[in-house]
């Protein structure tokens, strides 16, 4: 087989849970892996791939991330600053745990489960 999944459809796993352990993704298969670990892989991948956007409206940069809009500042701050602001909003969202909203397991919870599984090794 030796085919690599695209990065846009992947989640980070340690070697044990990816391939070598008894409860590994490649030993159980996608559905059984999800059931065994209580994960919704599609929801996790979708959340990892969400991207913010920026537009100009009324002389200001307006950012959109998830279903929220943010006034990033006047055009004078420059595009680079607007990008920094919207990316910091995305980082704060990931760190805050608001990832739990919506279907499936939260990314925060997934990463905690992943760390707990690695600690058992």
PDB file of N, CA and C in Angstrom:
ATOM      1  N   UNK A   1       0.833  -1.183   0.000  1.00  0.00           N
ATOM      2  CA  UNK A   1       0.000   0.000   0.000  1.00  0.00           C
ATOM      3  C   UNK A   1       0.877   1.245   0.000  1.00  0.00           C
ATOM      4  N   UNK A   2       1.574   1.522   1.071  1.00  0.00           N
ATOM      5  CA  UNK A   2       2.517   2.641   1.166  1.00  0.00           C
ATOM      6  C   UNK A   2       1.977   3.948   0.603  1.00  0.00           C
ATOM      7  N   UNK A   3       0.716   4.229   0.848  1.00  0.00           N
ATOM      8  CA  UNK A   3       0.149   5.492   0.411  1.00  0.00           C
ATOM      9  C   UNK A   3      -0.037   6.389   1.618  1.00  0.00           C
ATOM     10  N   UNK A   4       0.324   7.642   1.451  1.00  0.00           N
ATOM     11  CA  UNK A   4       0.215   8.604   2.536  1.00  0.00           C
ATOM     12  C   UNK A   4      -1.098   9.370   2.399  1.00  0.00           C
ATOM     13  N   UNK A   5      -1.813   9.477   3.500  1.00  0.00           N
ATOM     14  CA  UNK A   5      -3.024  10.298   3.505  1.00  0.00           C
ATOM     15  C   UNK A   5      -2.630  11.758   3.400  1.00  0.00           C
ATOM     16  N   UNK A   6      -3.457  12.574   2.766  1.00  0.00           N
ATOM     17  CA  UNK A   6      -3.143  14.008   2.725  1.00  0.00           C
ATOM     18  C   UNK A   6      -3.178  14.592   4.138  1.00  0.00           C
ATOM     19  N   UNK A   7      -2.362  15.585   4.373  1.00  0.00           N
ATOM     20  CA  UNK A   7      -2.306  16.220   5.697  1.00  0.00           C
ATOM     21  C   UNK A   7      -3.655  16.799   6.112  1.00  0.00           C
ATOM     22  N   UNK A   8      -4.487  17.149   5.139  1.00  0.00           N
ATOM     23  CA  UNK A   8      -5.790  17.724   5.456  1.00  0.00           C
ATOM     24  C   UNK A   8      -6.789  16.691   5.940  1.00  0.00           C
ATOM     25  N   UNK A   9      -6.413  15.410   5.933  1.00  0.00           N
ATOM     26  CA  UNK A   9      -7.323  14.382   6.440  1.00  0.00           C
ATOM     27  C   UNK A   9      -6.668  13.549   7.535  1.00  0.00           C
ATOM     28  N   UNK A  10      -5.645  14.095   8.169  1.00  0.00           N
ATOM     29  CA  UNK A  10      -4.882  13.343   9.165  1.00  0.00           C
ATOM     30  C   UNK A  10      -5.007  13.970  10.545  1.00  0.00           C
ATOM     31  N   UNK A  11      -4.818  13.132  11.566  1.00  0.00           N
ATOM     32  CA  UNK A  11      -4.718  13.606  12.944  1.00  0.00           C
ATOM     33  C   UNK A  11      -3.394  13.102  13.504  1.00  0.00           C
ATOM     34  N   UNK A  12      -2.794  13.823  14.436  1.00  0.00           N
ATOM     35  CA  UNK A  12      -1.503  13.387  14.985  1.00  0.00           C
ATOM     36  C   UNK A  12      -1.680  12.240  15.984  1.00  0.00           C
ATOM     37  N   UNK A  13      -0.979  11.163  15.753  1.00  0.00           N
ATOM     38  CA  UNK A  13      -0.992  10.021  16.667  1.00  0.00           C
ATOM     39  C   UNK A  13       0.442   9.581  16.924  1.00  0.00           C
ATOM     40  N   UNK A  14       0.672   9.056  18.121  1.00  0.00           N
ATOM     41  CA  UNK A  14       1.982   8.474  18.409  1.00  0.00           C
ATOM     42  C   UNK A  14       2.081   7.142  17.662  1.00  0.00           C
ATOM     43  N   UNK A  15       3.284   6.579  17.568  1.00  0.00           N
ATOM     44  CA  UNK A  15       3.501   5.331  16.821  1.00  0.00           C
ATOM     45  C   UNK A  15       2.633   4.205  17.381  1.00  0.00           C
ATOM     46  N   UNK A  16       2.533   4.131  18.686  1.00  0.00           N
ATOM     47  CA  UNK A  16       1.752   3.054  19.304  1.00  0.00           C
ATOM     48  C   UNK A  16       0.294   3.094  18.870  1.00  0.00           C
ATOM     49  N   UNK A  17      -0.301   4.264  18.857  1.00  0.00           N
ATOM     50  CA  UNK A  17      -1.716   4.370  18.505  1.00  0.00           C
ATOM     51  C   UNK A  17      -1.939   4.516  17.004  1.00  0.00           C
ATOM     52  N   UNK A  18      -0.884   4.742  16.277  1.00  0.00           N
ATOM     53  CA  UNK A  18      -1.002   4.782  14.826  1.00  0.00           C
ATOM     54  C   UNK A  18      -0.884   3.388  14.234  1.00  0.00           C
ATOM     55  N   UNK A  19       0.137   2.634  14.653  1.00  0.00           N
ATOM     56  CA  UNK A  19       0.413   1.378  13.970  1.00  0.00           C
ATOM     57  C   UNK A  19       0.780   0.197  14.868  1.00  0.00           C
ATOM     58  N   UNK A  20       1.505   0.403  15.968  1.00  0.00           N
ATOM     59  CA  UNK A  20       2.118  -0.726  16.664  1.00  0.00           C
ATOM     60  C   UNK A  20       1.325  -1.298  17.841  1.00  0.00           C
ATOM     61  N   UNK A  21       0.489  -0.534  18.493  1.00  0.00           N
ATOM     62  CA  UNK A  21      -0.219  -1.021  19.681  1.00  0.00           C
ATOM     63  C   UNK A  21      -1.421  -1.888  19.361  1.00  0.00           C
ATOM     64  N   UNK A  22      -1.910  -2.618  20.371  1.00  0.00           N
ATOM     65  CA  UNK A  22      -3.088  -3.470  20.188  1.00  0.00           C
ATOM     66  C   UNK A  22      -4.321  -2.659  19.806  1.00  0.00           C
ATOM     67  N   UNK A  23      -4.388  -1.425  20.293  1.00  0.00           N
ATOM     68  CA  UNK A  23      -5.533  -0.569  19.997  1.00  0.00           C
ATOM     69  C   UNK A  23      -5.189   0.501  18.962  1.00  0.00           C
ATOM     70  N   UNK A  24      -4.242   0.191  18.071  1.00  0.00           N
ATOM     71  CA  UNK A  24      -3.767   1.139  17.058  1.00  0.00           C
ATOM     72  C   UNK A  24      -4.789   1.304  15.930  1.00  0.00           C
ATOM     73  N   UNK A  25      -4.733   2.452  15.309  1.00  0.00           N
ATOM     74  CA  UNK A  25      -5.622   2.790  14.194  1.00  0.00           C
ATOM     75  C   UNK A  25      -5.541   1.744  13.082  1.00  0.00           C
ATOM     76  N   UNK A  26      -4.337   1.370  12.696  1.00  0.00           N
ATOM     77  CA  UNK A  26      -4.185   0.436  11.583  1.00  0.00           C
ATOM     78  C   UNK A  26      -4.476  -1.009  11.966  1.00  0.00           C
ATOM     79  N   UNK A  27      -4.535  -1.322  13.242  1.00  0.00           N
ATOM     80  CA  UNK A  27      -4.915  -2.684  13.653  1.00  0.00           C
ATOM     81  C   UNK A  27      -6.424  -2.800  13.823  1.00  0.00           C
ATOM     82  N   UNK A  28      -7.060  -1.747  14.352  1.00  0.00           N
ATOM     83  CA  UNK A  28      -8.501  -1.794  14.584  1.00  0.00           C
ATOM     84  C   UNK A  28      -9.312  -1.365  13.362  1.00  0.00           C
ATOM     85  N   UNK A  29      -8.759  -0.475  12.565  1.00  0.00           N
ATOM     86  CA  UNK A  29      -9.518   0.135  11.477  1.00  0.00           C
ATOM     87  C   UNK A  29     -10.184   1.403  11.984  1.00  0.00           C
ATOM     88  N   UNK A  30     -10.570   2.295  11.081  1.00  0.00           N
ATOM     89  CA  UNK A  30     -11.095   3.606  11.485  1.00  0.00           C
ATOM     90  C   UNK A  30     -12.313   3.543  12.405  1.00  0.00           C
ATOM     91  N   UNK A  31     -13.313   2.754  12.060  1.00  0.00           N
ATOM     92  CA  UNK A  31     -14.552   2.731  12.869  1.00  0.00           C
ATOM     93  C   UNK A  31     -14.311   2.159  14.259  1.00  0.00           C
ATOM     94  N   UNK A  32     -13.624   1.029  14.323  1.00  0.00           N
ATOM     95  CA  UNK A  32     -13.361   0.414  15.627  1.00  0.00           C
ATOM     96  C   UNK A  32     -12.457   1.300  16.477  1.00  0.00           C
ATOM     97  N   UNK A  33     -11.486   1.983  15.848  1.00  0.00           N
ATOM     98  CA  UNK A  33     -10.597   2.901  16.566  1.00  0.00           C
ATOM     99  C   UNK A  33     -11.419   4.023  17.187  1.00  0.00           C
ATOM    100  N   UNK A  34     -12.344   4.598  16.416  1.00  0.00           N
ATOM    101  CA  UNK A  34     -13.211   5.660  16.939  1.00  0.00           C
ATOM    102  C   UNK A  34     -14.038   5.163  18.127  1.00  0.00           C
ATOM    103  N   UNK A  35     -14.637   4.017  17.981  1.00  0.00           N
ATOM    104  CA  UNK A  35     -15.466   3.467  19.065  1.00  0.00           C
ATOM    105  C   UNK A  35     -14.630   3.156  20.296  1.00  0.00           C
ATOM    106  N   UNK A  36     -13.490   2.521  20.094  1.00  0.00           N
ATOM    107  CA  UNK A  36     -12.632   2.122  21.213  1.00  0.00           C
ATOM    108  C   UNK A  36     -12.149   3.331  22.019  1.00  0.00           C
ATOM    109  N   UNK A  37     -11.783   4.406  21.317  1.00  0.00           N
ATOM    110  CA  UNK A  37     -11.221   5.587  21.982  1.00  0.00           C
ATOM    111  C   UNK A  37     -12.241   6.712  22.179  1.00  0.00           C
ATOM    112  N   UNK A  38     -13.486   6.516  21.740  1.00  0.00           N
ATOM    113  CA  UNK A  38     -14.514   7.538  21.918  1.00  0.00           C
ATOM    114  C   UNK A  38     -14.243   8.797  21.114  1.00  0.00           C
ATOM    115  N   UNK A  39     -13.805   8.631  19.868  1.00  0.00           N
ATOM    116  CA  UNK A  39     -13.444   9.767  19.024  1.00  0.00           C
ATOM    117  C   UNK A  39     -14.387   9.885  17.835  1.00  0.00           C
ATOM    118  N   UNK A  40     -14.503  11.081  17.300  1.00  0.00           N
ATOM    119  CA  UNK A  40     -15.169  11.335  16.031  1.00  0.00           C
ATOM    120  C   UNK A  40     -14.099  11.923  15.120  1.00  0.00           C
ATOM    121  N   UNK A  41     -13.423  11.056  14.373  1.00  0.00           N
ATOM    122  CA  UNK A  41     -12.265  11.480  13.582  1.00  0.00           C
ATOM    123  C   UNK A  41     -12.621  12.529  12.545  1.00  0.00           C
ATOM    124  N   UNK A  42     -13.771  12.405  11.902  1.00  0.00           N
ATOM    125  CA  UNK A  42     -14.160  13.414  10.898  1.00  0.00           C
ATOM    126  C   UNK A  42     -14.309  14.795  11.529  1.00  0.00           C
ATOM    127  N   UNK A  43     -14.917  14.840  12.701  1.00  0.00           N
ATOM    128  CA  UNK A  43     -15.089  16.132  13.386  1.00  0.00           C
ATOM    129  C   UNK A  43     -13.739  16.716  13.786  1.00  0.00           C
ATOM    130  N   UNK A  44     -12.826  15.864  14.243  1.00  0.00           N
ATOM    131  CA  UNK A  44     -11.493  16.339  14.632  1.00  0.00           C
ATOM    132  C   UNK A  44     -10.758  16.900  13.426  1.00  0.00           C
ATOM    133  N   UNK A  45     -10.767  16.166  12.321  1.00  0.00           N
ATOM    134  CA  UNK A  45     -10.085  16.621  11.103  1.00  0.00           C
ATOM    135  C   UNK A  45     -10.707  17.920  10.614  1.00  0.00           C
ATOM    136  N   UNK A  46     -12.029  18.008  10.636  1.00  0.00           N
ATOM    137  CA  UNK A  46     -12.704  19.240  10.182  1.00  0.00           C
ATOM    138  C   UNK A  46     -12.287  20.432  11.022  1.00  0.00           C
ATOM    139  N   UNK A  47     -12.200  20.258  12.343  1.00  0.00           N
ATOM    140  CA  UNK A  47     -11.807  21.362  13.214  1.00  0.00           C
ATOM    141  C   UNK A  47     -10.358  21.762  12.994  1.00  0.00           C
ATOM    142  N   UNK A  48      -9.468  20.752  12.788  1.00  0.00           N
ATOM    143  CA  UNK A  48      -8.066  21.069  12.513  1.00  0.00           C
ATOM    144  C   UNK A  48      -7.928  21.896  11.238  1.00  0.00           C
ATOM    145  N   UNK A  49      -8.819  21.694  10.279  1.00  0.00           N
ATOM    146  CA  UNK A  49      -8.692  22.327   8.967  1.00  0.00           C
ATOM    147  C   UNK A  49      -9.473  23.631   8.820  1.00  0.00           C
ATOM    148  N   UNK A  50     -10.165  24.066   9.867  1.00  0.00           N
ATOM    149  CA  UNK A  50     -10.887  25.331   9.771  1.00  0.00           C
ATOM    150  C   UNK A  50      -9.891  26.478   9.585  1.00  0.00           C
ATOM    151  N   UNK A  51     -10.233  27.366   8.684  1.00  0.00           N
ATOM    152  CA  UNK A  51      -9.335  28.482   8.393  1.00  0.00           C
ATOM    153  C   UNK A  51     -10.074  29.814   8.562  1.00  0.00           C
ATOM    154  N   UNK A  52      -9.389  30.777   9.147  1.00  0.00           N
ATOM    155  CA  UNK A  52      -9.984  32.114   9.233  1.00  0.00           C
ATOM    156  C   UNK A  52      -9.863  32.840   7.895  1.00  0.00           C
ATOM    157  N   UNK A  53     -10.658  33.869   7.710  1.00  0.00           N
ATOM    158  CA  UNK A  53     -10.557  34.690   6.503  1.00  0.00           C
ATOM    159  C   UNK A  53     -10.605  36.162   6.905  1.00  0.00           C
ATOM    160  N   UNK A  54     -10.143  37.005   5.977  1.00  0.00           N
ATOM    161  CA  UNK A  54     -10.119  38.461   6.208  1.00  0.00           C
ATOM    162  C   UNK A  54     -10.680  39.140   4.966  1.00  0.00           C
ATOM    163  N   UNK A  55     -11.499  40.166   5.191  1.00  0.00           N
ATOM    164  CA  UNK A  55     -11.983  40.991   4.082  1.00  0.00           C
ATOM    165  C   UNK A  55     -11.907  42.456   4.507  1.00  0.00           C
ATOM    166  N   UNK A  56     -12.035  43.327   3.550  1.00  0.00           N
ATOM    167  CA  UNK A  56     -12.040  44.768   3.819  1.00  0.00           C
ATOM    168  C   UNK A  56     -13.473  45.255   3.685  1.00  0.00           C
ATOM    169  N   UNK A  57     -13.897  45.990   4.705  1.00  0.00           N
ATOM    170  CA  UNK A  57     -15.260  46.519   4.702  1.00  0.00           C
ATOM    171  C   UNK A  57     -15.271  47.856   5.422  1.00  0.00           C
ATOM    172  N   UNK A  58     -15.742  48.881   4.739  1.00  0.00           N
ATOM    173  CA  UNK A  58     -15.867  50.206   5.351  1.00  0.00           C
ATOM    174  C   UNK A  58     -14.566  50.759   5.897  1.00  0.00           C
ATOM    175  N   UNK A  59     -13.451  50.529   5.207  1.00  0.00           N
ATOM    176  CA  UNK A  59     -12.165  51.066   5.644  1.00  0.00           C
ATOM    177  C   UNK A  59     -11.512  50.299   6.780  1.00  0.00           C
ATOM    178  N   UNK A  60     -12.008  49.098   7.056  1.00  0.00           N
ATOM    179  CA  UNK A  60     -11.440  48.284   8.128  1.00  0.00           C
ATOM    180  C   UNK A  60     -11.248  46.841   7.674  1.00  0.00           C
ATOM    181  N   UNK A  61     -10.351  46.146   8.372  1.00  0.00           N
ATOM    182  CA  UNK A  61     -10.190  44.716   8.168  1.00  0.00           C
ATOM    183  C   UNK A  61     -11.211  44.002   9.050  1.00  0.00           C
ATOM    184  N   UNK A  62     -11.935  43.071   8.459  1.00  0.00           N
ATOM    185  CA  UNK A  62     -12.903  42.269   9.191  1.00  0.00           C
ATOM    186  C   UNK A  62     -12.487  40.811   9.032  1.00  0.00           C
ATOM    187  N   UNK A  63     -12.326  40.136  10.153  1.00  0.00           N
ATOM    188  CA  UNK A  63     -11.946  38.731  10.113  1.00  0.00           C
ATOM    189  C   UNK A  63     -13.130  37.850  10.419  1.00  0.00           C
ATOM    190  N   UNK A  64     -13.114  36.663   9.849  1.00  0.00           N
ATOM    191  CA  UNK A  64     -14.152  35.681  10.137  1.00  0.00           C
ATOM    192  C   UNK A  64     -13.473  34.379  10.514  1.00  0.00           C
ATOM    193  N   UNK A  65     -13.881  33.832  11.644  1.00  0.00           N
ATOM    194  CA  UNK A  65     -13.374  32.540  12.078  1.00  0.00           C
ATOM    195  C   UNK A  65     -14.536  31.780  12.683  1.00  0.00           C
ATOM    196  N   UNK A  66     -14.710  30.552  12.231  1.00  0.00           N
ATOM    197  CA  UNK A  66     -15.885  29.757  12.545  1.00  0.00           C
ATOM    198  C   UNK A  66     -17.083  30.569  12.078  1.00  0.00           C
ATOM    199  N   UNK A  67     -18.049  30.824  12.882  1.00  0.00           N
ATOM    200  CA  UNK A  67     -19.210  31.598  12.428  1.00  0.00           C
ATOM    201  C   UNK A  67     -19.239  32.988  13.045  1.00  0.00           C
ATOM    202  N   UNK A  68     -18.083  33.465  13.491  1.00  0.00           N
ATOM    203  CA  UNK A  68     -18.030  34.779  14.121  1.00  0.00           C
ATOM    204  C   UNK A  68     -17.205  35.735  13.275  1.00  0.00           C
ATOM    205  N   UNK A  69     -17.584  37.005  13.320  1.00  0.00           N
ATOM    206  CA  UNK A  69     -16.824  38.051  12.645  1.00  0.00           C
ATOM    207  C   UNK A  69     -16.173  38.939  13.691  1.00  0.00           C
ATOM    208  N   UNK A  70     -14.968  39.426  13.357  1.00  0.00           N
ATOM    209  CA  UNK A  70     -14.184  40.249  14.277  1.00  0.00           C
ATOM    210  C   UNK A  70     -13.696  41.479  13.535  1.00  0.00           C
ATOM    211  N   UNK A  71     -13.878  42.647  14.132  1.00  0.00           N
ATOM    212  CA  UNK A  71     -13.309  43.870  13.591  1.00  0.00           C
ATOM    213  C   UNK A  71     -11.846  43.883  14.003  1.00  0.00           C
ATOM    214  N   UNK A  72     -10.947  43.766  13.018  1.00  0.00           N
ATOM    215  CA  UNK A  72      -9.522  43.625  13.308  1.00  0.00           C
ATOM    216  C   UNK A  72      -8.803  44.958  13.401  1.00  0.00           C
ATOM    217  N   UNK A  73      -9.362  45.999  12.805  1.00  0.00           N
ATOM    218  CA  UNK A  73      -8.755  47.322  12.876  1.00  0.00           C
ATOM    219  C   UNK A  73      -8.849  48.047  11.554  1.00  0.00           C
ATOM    220  N   UNK A  74      -8.469  49.327  11.542  1.00  0.00           N
ATOM    221  CA  UNK A  74      -8.517  50.111  10.309  1.00  0.00           C
ATOM    222  C   UNK A  74      -7.443  49.641   9.320  1.00  0.00           C
ATOM    223  N   UNK A  75      -7.602  50.000   8.075  1.00  0.00           N
ATOM    224  CA  UNK A  75      -6.647  49.600   7.039  1.00  0.00           C
ATOM    225  C   UNK A  75      -5.225  50.056   7.360  1.00  0.00           C
ATOM    226  N   UNK A  76      -5.087  51.119   8.145  1.00  0.00           N
ATOM    227  CA  UNK A  76      -3.772  51.653   8.482  1.00  0.00           C
ATOM    228  C   UNK A  76      -2.909  50.650   9.267  1.00  0.00           C
ATOM    229  N   UNK A  77      -3.514  49.672   9.924  1.00  0.00           N
ATOM    230  CA  UNK A  77      -2.697  48.710  10.677  1.00  0.00           C
ATOM    231  C   UNK A  77      -1.945  47.774   9.738  1.00  0.00           C
ATOM    232  N   UNK A  78      -2.412  47.666   8.507  1.00  0.00           N
ATOM    233  CA  UNK A  78      -1.745  46.821   7.517  1.00  0.00           C
ATOM    234  C   UNK A  78      -2.239  45.379   7.560  1.00  0.00           C
ATOM    235  N   UNK A  79      -2.106  44.722   6.434  1.00  0.00           N
ATOM    236  CA  UNK A  79      -2.578  43.348   6.304  1.00  0.00           C
ATOM    237  C   UNK A  79      -1.828  42.392   7.235  1.00  0.00           C
ATOM    238  N   UNK A  80      -0.529  42.596   7.371  1.00  0.00           N
ATOM    239  CA  UNK A  80       0.262  41.714   8.236  1.00  0.00           C
ATOM    240  C   UNK A  80      -0.274  41.713   9.673  1.00  0.00           C
ATOM    241  N   UNK A  81      -0.602  42.888  10.192  1.00  0.00           N
ATOM    242  CA  UNK A  81      -1.161  42.975  11.546  1.00  0.00           C
ATOM    243  C   UNK A  81      -2.534  42.334  11.624  1.00  0.00           C
ATOM    244  N   UNK A  82      -3.345  42.524  10.595  1.00  0.00           N
ATOM    245  CA  UNK A  82      -4.676  41.911  10.579  1.00  0.00           C
ATOM    246  C   UNK A  82      -4.565  40.387  10.590  1.00  0.00           C
ATOM    247  N   UNK A  83      -3.616  39.861   9.828  1.00  0.00           N
ATOM    248  CA  UNK A  83      -3.403  38.410   9.805  1.00  0.00           C
ATOM    249  C   UNK A  83      -2.956  37.927  11.179  1.00  0.00           C
ATOM    250  N   UNK A  84      -2.028  38.637  11.802  1.00  0.00           N
ATOM    251  CA  UNK A  84      -1.585  38.263  13.153  1.00  0.00           C
ATOM    252  C   UNK A  84      -2.746  38.222  14.141  1.00  0.00           C
ATOM    253  N   UNK A  85      -3.627  39.201  14.059  1.00  0.00           N
ATOM    254  CA  UNK A  85      -4.761  39.278  14.987  1.00  0.00           C
ATOM    255  C   UNK A  85      -5.704  38.096  14.781  1.00  0.00           C
ATOM    256  N   UNK A  86      -6.087  37.810  13.537  1.00  0.00           N
ATOM    257  CA  UNK A  86      -7.038  36.718  13.307  1.00  0.00           C
ATOM    258  C   UNK A  86      -6.418  35.367  13.666  1.00  0.00           C
ATOM    259  N   UNK A  87      -5.115  35.206  13.434  1.00  0.00           N
ATOM    260  CA  UNK A  87      -4.461  33.954  13.828  1.00  0.00           C
ATOM    261  C   UNK A  87      -4.377  33.820  15.348  1.00  0.00           C
ATOM    262  N   UNK A  88      -4.227  34.943  16.052  1.00  0.00           N
ATOM    263  CA  UNK A  88      -4.222  34.870  17.521  1.00  0.00           C
ATOM    264  C   UNK A  88      -5.620  34.517  18.036  1.00  0.00           C
ATOM    265  N   UNK A  89      -6.655  34.971  17.344  1.00  0.00           N
ATOM    266  CA  UNK A  89      -8.025  34.599  17.712  1.00  0.00           C
ATOM    267  C   UNK A  89      -8.210  33.088  17.542  1.00  0.00           C
ATOM    268  N   UNK A  90      -7.684  32.542  16.447  1.00  0.00           N
ATOM    269  CA  UNK A  90      -7.770  31.095  16.226  1.00  0.00           C
ATOM    270  C   UNK A  90      -7.015  30.334  17.318  1.00  0.00           C
ATOM    271  N   UNK A  91      -5.808  30.799  17.660  1.00  0.00           N
ATOM    272  CA  UNK A  91      -5.029  30.135  18.720  1.00  0.00           C
ATOM    273  C   UNK A  91      -5.753  30.182  20.057  1.00  0.00           C
ATOM    274  N   UNK A  92      -6.321  31.337  20.389  1.00  0.00           N
ATOM    275  CA  UNK A  92      -7.062  31.470  21.652  1.00  0.00           C
ATOM    276  C   UNK A  92      -8.260  30.539  21.670  1.00  0.00           C
ATOM    277  N   UNK A  93      -8.929  30.408  20.534  1.00  0.00           N
ATOM    278  CA  UNK A  93     -10.078  29.513  20.441  1.00  0.00           C
ATOM    279  C   UNK A  93      -9.648  28.080  20.722  1.00  0.00           C
ATOM    280  N   UNK A  94      -8.547  27.659  20.142  1.00  0.00           N
ATOM    281  CA  UNK A  94      -8.053  26.297  20.377  1.00  0.00           C
ATOM    282  C   UNK A  94      -7.682  26.100  21.847  1.00  0.00           C
ATOM    283  N   UNK A  95      -7.032  27.097  22.433  1.00  0.00           N
ATOM    284  CA  UNK A  95      -6.578  26.979  23.823  1.00  0.00           C
ATOM    285  C   UNK A  95      -7.731  27.076  24.820  1.00  0.00           C
ATOM    286  N   UNK A  96      -8.792  27.781  24.457  1.00  0.00           N
ATOM    287  CA  UNK A  96      -9.880  28.038  25.406  1.00  0.00           C
ATOM    288  C   UNK A  96     -10.784  26.845  25.642  1.00  0.00           C
ATOM    289  N   UNK A  97     -10.749  25.893  24.733  1.00  0.00           N
ATOM    290  CA  UNK A  97     -11.641  24.756  24.894  1.00  0.00           C
ATOM    291  C   UNK A  97     -12.985  24.963  24.235  1.00  0.00           C
ATOM    292  N   UNK A  98     -13.179  26.066  23.510  1.00  0.00           N
ATOM    293  CA  UNK A  98     -14.452  26.252  22.822  1.00  0.00           C
ATOM    294  C   UNK A  98     -14.580  25.296  21.653  1.00  0.00           C
ATOM    295  N   UNK A  99     -13.546  24.493  21.424  1.00  0.00           N
ATOM    296  CA  UNK A  99     -13.604  23.453  20.398  1.00  0.00           C
ATOM    297  C   UNK A  99     -14.652  22.414  20.751  1.00  0.00           C
ATOM    298  N   UNK A 100     -15.074  22.388  21.999  1.00  0.00           N
ATOM    299  CA  UNK A 100     -16.041  21.370  22.421  1.00  0.00           C
ATOM    300  C   UNK A 100     -17.411  21.618  21.812  1.00  0.00           C
ATOM    301  N   UNK A 101     -17.652  22.830  21.310  1.00  0.00           N
ATOM    302  CA  UNK A 101     -18.951  23.122  20.719  1.00  0.00           C
ATOM    303  C   UNK A 101     -19.090  22.352  19.414  1.00  0.00           C
ATOM    304  N   UNK A 102     -20.253  21.885  19.152  1.00  0.00           N
ATOM    305  CA  UNK A 102     -20.490  21.161  17.914  1.00  0.00           C
ATOM    306  C   UNK A 102     -20.337  19.670  18.115  1.00  0.00           C
ATOM    307  N   UNK A 103     -20.543  18.901  17.034  1.00  0.00           N
ATOM    308  CA  UNK A 103     -20.541  17.446  17.158  1.00  0.00           C
ATOM    309  C   UNK A 103     -19.149  16.897  17.373  1.00  0.00           C
ATOM    310  N   UNK A 104     -19.090  15.728  17.970  1.00  0.00           N
ATOM    311  CA  UNK A 104     -17.821  15.024  18.117  1.00  0.00           C
ATOM    312  C   UNK A 104     -17.037  15.471  19.321  1.00  0.00           C
ATOM    313  N   UNK A 105     -15.895  14.873  19.482  1.00  0.00           N
ATOM    314  CA  UNK A 105     -15.022  15.160  20.616  1.00  0.00           C
ATOM    315  C   UNK A 105     -14.269  16.458  20.374  1.00  0.00           C
ATOM    316  N   UNK A 106     -13.999  17.184  21.411  1.00  0.00           N
ATOM    317  CA  UNK A 106     -13.229  18.418  21.304  1.00  0.00           C
ATOM    318  C   UNK A 106     -11.772  18.097  21.012  1.00  0.00           C
ATOM    319  N   UNK A 107     -11.121  18.963  20.255  1.00  0.00           N
ATOM    320  CA  UNK A 107      -9.694  18.778  19.970  1.00  0.00           C
ATOM    321  C   UNK A 107      -8.923  18.747  21.279  1.00  0.00           C
ATOM    322  N   UNK A 108      -9.282  19.631  22.207  1.00  0.00           N
ATOM    323  CA  UNK A 108      -8.621  19.679  23.512  1.00  0.00           C
ATOM    324  C   UNK A 108      -8.713  18.316  24.188  1.00  0.00           C
ATOM    325  N   UNK A 109      -9.907  17.721  24.134  1.00  0.00           N
ATOM    326  CA  UNK A 109     -10.103  16.413  24.749  1.00  0.00           C
ATOM    327  C   UNK A 109      -9.322  15.338  24.014  1.00  0.00           C
ATOM    328  N   UNK A 110      -9.298  15.436  22.682  1.00  0.00           N
ATOM    329  CA  UNK A 110      -8.529  14.471  21.894  1.00  0.00           C
ATOM    330  C   UNK A 110      -7.056  14.533  22.276  1.00  0.00           C
ATOM    331  N   UNK A 111      -6.507  15.732  22.390  1.00  0.00           N
ATOM    332  CA  UNK A 111      -5.093  15.869  22.727  1.00  0.00           C
ATOM    333  C   UNK A 111      -4.832  15.353  24.146  1.00  0.00           C
ATOM    334  N   UNK A 112      -5.770  15.571  25.068  1.00  0.00           N
ATOM    335  CA  UNK A 112      -5.617  15.066  26.430  1.00  0.00           C
ATOM    336  C   UNK A 112      -5.628  13.534  26.424  1.00  0.00           C
ATOM    337  N   UNK A 113      -6.535  12.936  25.656  1.00  0.00           N
ATOM    338  CA  UNK A 113      -6.582  11.476  25.538  1.00  0.00           C
ATOM    339  C   UNK A 113      -5.279  10.969  24.940  1.00  0.00           C
ATOM    340  N   UNK A 114      -4.800  11.659  23.915  1.00  0.00           N
ATOM    341  CA  UNK A 114      -3.545  11.257  23.265  1.00  0.00           C
ATOM    342  C   UNK A 114      -2.391  11.298  24.263  1.00  0.00           C
ATOM    343  N   UNK A 115      -2.309  12.357  25.063  1.00  0.00           N
ATOM    344  CA  UNK A 115      -1.235  12.460  26.067  1.00  0.00           C
ATOM    345  C   UNK A 115      -1.352  11.367  27.124  1.00  0.00           C
ATOM    346  N   UNK A 116      -2.580  11.068  27.547  1.00  0.00           N
ATOM    347  CA  UNK A 116      -2.798  10.019  28.538  1.00  0.00           C
ATOM    348  C   UNK A 116      -2.381   8.658  27.974  1.00  0.00           C
ATOM    349  N   UNK A 117      -2.709   8.402  26.722  1.00  0.00           N
ATOM    350  CA  UNK A 117      -2.331   7.140  26.084  1.00  0.00           C
ATOM    351  C   UNK A 117      -0.811   7.034  25.975  1.00  0.00           C
ATOM    352  N   UNK A 118      -0.150   8.129  25.644  1.00  0.00           N
ATOM    353  CA  UNK A 118       1.310   8.117  25.540  1.00  0.00           C
ATOM    354  C   UNK A 118       1.953   7.875  26.895  1.00  0.00           C
ATOM    355  N   UNK A 119       1.340   8.389  27.958  1.00  0.00           N
ATOM    356  CA  UNK A 119       1.897   8.216  29.303  1.00  0.00           C
ATOM    357  C   UNK A 119       1.844   6.754  29.743  1.00  0.00           C
ATOM    358  N   UNK A 120       0.897   5.994  29.215  1.00  0.00           N
ATOM    359  CA  UNK A 120       0.766   4.577  29.570  1.00  0.00           C
ATOM    360  C   UNK A 120       1.853   3.709  28.941  1.00  0.00           C
ATOM    361  N   UNK A 121       2.501   4.209  27.920  1.00  0.00           N
ATOM    362  CA  UNK A 121       3.494   3.400  27.184  1.00  0.00           C
ATOM    363  C   UNK A 121       4.675   3.028  28.041  1.00  0.00           C
TER     364      UNK A 121
END
